[in-house]
Structures are given as C-alpha cells and as structure tokens.
Protein backbone atom coordinates (compact mmCIF):
# COMPACT_ATOMS: atom_id res chain seq x y z
CA MET A 1 -49.49 -120.06 197.28
CA LYS A 2 -47.79 -122.27 199.74
CA ILE A 3 -44.09 -121.44 198.42
CA LEU A 4 -44.36 -117.60 198.42
CA VAL A 5 -45.38 -117.35 202.18
CA LYS A 6 -42.80 -120.40 203.01
CA LYS A 7 -39.92 -118.43 201.38
CA THR A 8 -40.78 -114.79 202.36
CA ARG A 9 -40.89 -116.38 206.01
CA TYR A 10 -37.20 -117.73 206.02
CA GLY A 11 -36.06 -114.64 204.49
CA LEU A 12 -37.20 -112.49 206.71
CA ALA A 13 -36.13 -114.91 209.96
CA PHE A 14 -33.02 -114.89 208.06
CA LEU A 15 -32.47 -111.32 207.81
CA PHE A 16 -33.60 -110.66 211.87
CA LEU A 17 -31.35 -113.32 212.81
CA SER A 18 -29.02 -111.48 210.95
CA TYR A 19 -29.25 -108.23 212.10
CA PHE A 20 -29.65 -109.34 215.64
CA LEU A 21 -26.23 -111.40 215.27
CA LEU A 22 -24.81 -108.41 213.98
CA ASN A 23 -25.79 -106.19 217.05
CA ILE A 24 -24.66 -108.57 219.78
CA ALA A 25 -21.19 -108.44 217.88
CA ALA A 26 -21.05 -104.82 218.29
CA CYS A 27 -18.46 -104.50 220.77
CA THR A 28 -14.67 -103.72 221.24
CA LYS A 29 -12.69 -105.14 223.65
CA ASP A 30 -9.64 -103.15 225.54
CA ALA A 31 -6.68 -105.18 225.98
CA LYS A 32 -3.52 -104.54 228.03
CA ILE A 33 0.13 -103.94 226.64
CA PRO A 34 2.36 -105.64 228.78
CA ALA A 35 4.72 -102.95 230.65
CA THR A 36 7.85 -102.73 230.16
CA ASP A 37 8.90 -100.28 232.84
CA GLU A 38 6.86 -98.57 235.41
CA SER A 39 5.58 -95.57 233.04
CA GLN A 40 3.40 -97.86 230.77
CA LEU A 41 1.61 -99.77 234.08
CA SER A 42 -1.98 -97.85 233.37
CA LEU A 43 -0.88 -97.78 229.44
CA ASN A 44 -4.98 -99.18 227.46
CA ALA A 45 -5.05 -99.66 223.72
CA ASN A 46 -7.78 -100.74 221.72
CA VAL A 47 -6.66 -103.81 219.66
CA GLN A 48 -8.19 -104.18 216.32
CA THR A 49 -6.79 -106.80 213.64
CA ASN A 50 -7.08 -105.71 210.34
CA ALA A 51 -6.53 -108.98 208.72
CA ALA A 52 -9.43 -110.34 206.93
CA GLN A 53 -10.84 -113.89 208.26
CA VAL A 54 -12.49 -115.22 205.06
CA PHE A 55 -14.77 -118.84 204.92
CA VAL A 56 -15.93 -120.68 201.98
CA SER A 57 -17.93 -123.33 201.97
CA ASN A 58 -18.57 -125.26 198.37
CA GLU A 59 -21.61 -127.80 198.73
CA LYS A 60 -24.03 -129.95 196.97
CA ILE A 61 -27.10 -130.59 199.16
CA ALA A 62 -30.05 -133.17 198.46
CA PHE A 63 -33.35 -131.17 198.15
CA ASN A 64 -36.77 -132.74 198.29
CA ASP A 65 -39.42 -130.31 198.33
CA THR A 66 -42.99 -130.27 197.28
CA VAL A 67 -44.73 -127.08 195.67
CA PHE A 68 -47.88 -126.18 194.73
CA ILE A 69 -48.10 -125.37 190.95
CA PRO A 70 -51.48 -123.45 190.59
CA CYS A 71 -51.54 -123.67 186.74
CA ALA A 72 -51.13 -127.14 186.70
CA ASN A 73 -53.40 -130.13 185.81
CA GLY A 74 -55.63 -128.08 183.42
CA GLY A 75 -55.50 -124.80 185.71
CA ALA A 76 -56.95 -126.80 188.89
CA GLY A 77 -53.33 -126.77 190.13
CA GLU A 78 -51.27 -129.66 191.66
CA ASP A 79 -48.84 -130.53 194.19
CA VAL A 80 -45.55 -131.33 192.41
CA LEU A 81 -43.02 -133.63 194.53
CA LEU A 82 -39.30 -132.45 193.65
CA SER A 83 -36.35 -133.74 194.31
CA GLY A 84 -32.54 -133.29 193.39
CA PHE A 85 -29.46 -131.51 194.39
CA LEU A 86 -28.71 -128.12 195.18
CA HIS A 87 -25.57 -126.14 195.04
CA THR A 88 -24.64 -123.98 197.71
CA LEU A 89 -21.74 -121.77 197.73
CA SER A 90 -21.09 -119.74 200.68
CA THR A 91 -18.54 -116.98 201.48
CA ALA A 92 -18.21 -114.94 204.95
CA THR A 93 -15.44 -112.39 205.08
CA ILE A 94 -14.58 -110.40 208.30
CA ASN A 95 -12.21 -107.53 208.28
CA GLY A 96 -11.67 -105.51 211.18
CA ASN A 97 -15.30 -104.16 212.02
CA ASN A 98 -16.95 -105.51 209.30
CA VAL A 99 -18.58 -108.42 207.91
CA ARG A 100 -19.70 -109.65 204.24
CA MET A 101 -21.73 -112.50 203.13
CA LYS A 102 -22.70 -114.06 199.85
CA LEU A 103 -24.83 -117.03 199.58
CA HIS A 104 -26.03 -118.50 195.95
CA PHE A 105 -28.26 -121.47 195.30
CA GLN A 106 -28.28 -123.20 192.40
CA PRO A 107 -30.47 -126.52 191.44
CA GLN A 108 -28.86 -129.08 189.99
CA GLY A 109 -30.82 -131.55 188.08
CA ILE A 110 -33.87 -131.31 190.28
CA LYS A 111 -36.90 -133.24 189.07
CA GLY A 112 -40.40 -133.68 190.15
CA ILE A 113 -43.48 -135.56 189.32
CA GLY A 114 -47.54 -134.04 188.99
CA LEU A 115 -48.83 -136.10 192.27
CA ILE A 116 -52.31 -136.03 190.70
CA THR A 117 -51.50 -136.03 186.85
CA GLY A 118 -47.77 -137.49 186.55
CA ASP A 119 -46.54 -135.00 184.74
CA LYS A 120 -43.10 -134.19 184.66
CA TYR A 121 -41.65 -131.22 186.24
CA GLN A 122 -37.77 -129.51 185.82
CA GLY A 123 -36.45 -127.17 188.99
CA THR A 124 -34.45 -124.44 187.77
CA GLY A 125 -33.34 -120.96 188.36
CA VAL A 126 -30.83 -118.80 191.06
CA THR A 127 -30.92 -117.40 194.39
CA GLN A 128 -28.53 -115.44 195.42
CA ASP A 129 -28.08 -113.12 198.94
CA GLU A 130 -25.58 -110.68 199.79
CA PHE A 131 -25.28 -109.03 203.18
CA LYS A 132 -22.76 -106.43 204.89
CA GLY A 133 -22.89 -105.11 208.15
CA SER A 134 -20.77 -102.81 210.66
CA LEU A 135 -19.68 -105.41 213.81
CA VAL A 136 -19.43 -101.59 215.62
CA ASN A 137 -22.96 -99.91 214.83
CA GLY A 138 -24.82 -102.75 213.60
CA GLN A 139 -25.28 -100.98 210.16
CA TYR A 140 -26.46 -103.47 208.16
CA GLU A 141 -27.04 -103.88 204.05
CA GLU A 142 -29.13 -107.03 202.65
CA THR A 143 -30.21 -107.61 199.20
CA PHE A 144 -31.82 -111.27 198.23
CA ILE A 145 -32.57 -112.17 194.91
CA ASP A 146 -34.52 -115.45 193.95
CA ASN A 147 -35.21 -116.87 190.74
CA PHE A 148 -37.34 -119.80 190.85
CA ARG A 149 -39.18 -121.83 187.96
CA ILE A 150 -40.65 -125.36 188.52
CA ILE A 151 -40.86 -126.13 184.32
CA GLY A 152 -43.67 -128.63 182.73
CA GLN A 153 -44.49 -130.31 180.01
CA GLY A 154 -46.24 -128.59 177.11
CA ASN A 155 -47.76 -125.21 177.54
CA GLY A 156 -49.37 -123.51 180.52
CA ASN A 157 -48.20 -125.15 183.66
CA ASN A 158 -44.66 -123.23 183.81
CA TYR A 159 -44.46 -121.51 187.46
CA LEU A 160 -42.51 -118.45 188.03
CA LEU A 161 -41.19 -117.01 191.00
CA HIS A 162 -38.91 -113.94 191.31
CA GLU A 163 -38.27 -112.15 194.64
CA THR A 164 -36.20 -109.39 195.18
CA PHE A 165 -35.75 -108.33 199.12
CA HIS A 166 -33.84 -105.20 199.97
CA VAL A 167 -33.09 -103.67 203.56
CA THR A 168 -31.22 -101.18 204.71
CA ILE A 169 -30.32 -100.18 208.36
CA ASN A 170 -28.11 -97.30 209.29
CA ALA A 171 -26.01 -97.02 212.12
CA ASN A 172 -28.76 -95.78 214.74
CA GLY A 173 -30.79 -98.95 214.18
CA VAL A 174 -33.71 -97.16 211.87
CA PHE A 175 -34.84 -98.94 208.49
CA THR A 176 -34.04 -96.41 205.53
CA VAL A 177 -34.98 -98.97 203.08
CA PHE A 178 -37.54 -101.80 202.67
CA ILE A 179 -38.51 -103.61 199.87
CA ASP A 180 -39.98 -107.38 199.31
CA LYS A 181 -41.33 -107.20 195.74
CA ILE A 182 -42.78 -111.03 194.79
CA GLU A 183 -43.86 -111.56 191.21
CA SER A 184 -45.33 -115.45 189.79
CA ASP A 185 -46.80 -116.19 186.59
CA CYS A 186 -47.69 -119.41 185.18
CA LYS A 187 -46.80 -119.58 181.70
C-alpha cells in the first residue's frame, strides 16, 4: 500500500530529525557575570532562563494527493485524487531545558474522485503528534496517532487507516519503548 509506506517513512524521518535536533541543542553555556569589584572577577555562573517561550501556528493548507484505495472499483482497487484543505495547529513550548511540541492535522472539505470509476470520495480523520524532550541530556518521548479515512459512495469502498506510533528514549540515548502499529481496513 503506497500511503502506508509513505506515512511511515515520514513519521520515522520526523522522529529521527527531532531526536537529532534535541541532541544538537543539548548543551549549556557559561555566562560571565560583570564584576563589581576585584573579588568577583573570576566568578562564573550557569545562566538559565525559566521563562517559557511559546510558539503557535494555526493554518489552513491546500492539500492535493493521490491515494490507492484497494477495495474500490469492485475490489480491483484504484487511485483516488484528493484535494481540499488541511487544518494544521502547531504549538511548541521551550521552558528552561525542555521542549514540548503538539501537532494537530484535520482535513477540511477534502474531496476525491476515483481515476478509473469516477466515484466520489470524502477525506476525513485527524492526526495528532506530541513530543517532549530535554535540551540537556537528549531524553525524548513521542506519540503519534493517525486516523485517516477515505469514504466512498455505497458499501465496500471505504478505506480506513489507523496508526499508533510511540517511542521513548532515556537520558543515556537508549530506546526503552518503540511501538509502530498500523492497521488498515476496507469496509
């Protein structure tokens, strides 16, 4: 299934890119405090801000893609051209030495047409991805849940995809949990 491989590759690429970026950022800086007299000339202190930095992005993005529906066309399958919009809400918080990000994707008005039969389809579902990590030691946790549905006319050509992905990496860089469960069904 083309869509399954494509989504899993993107998910794994996102995971490893996020983990790589957290490890690059895992450092602290010494800042010199201005001396007020000679007794303080050699005084260094680790400076850390506890004020949270919050970033929010709320967008509507054009979506165009072709998805293979194996149960369409009387069970022979067919590609379905989908177009519409994808609502994306992203929030990121950096607080001290920790980062947390939450991503939410939801189709809006996504319609499709079977390229062989001309059957009409609707794209529905929701995708959420949440991760948190340490900027000091590389500790990382992520959970990704995807419910992707292409609903056709009549019975037997509805494509349902559910993916649950979770990973936990401890402060030593060891994967302690890795789950990637993908289920698909035609109804």
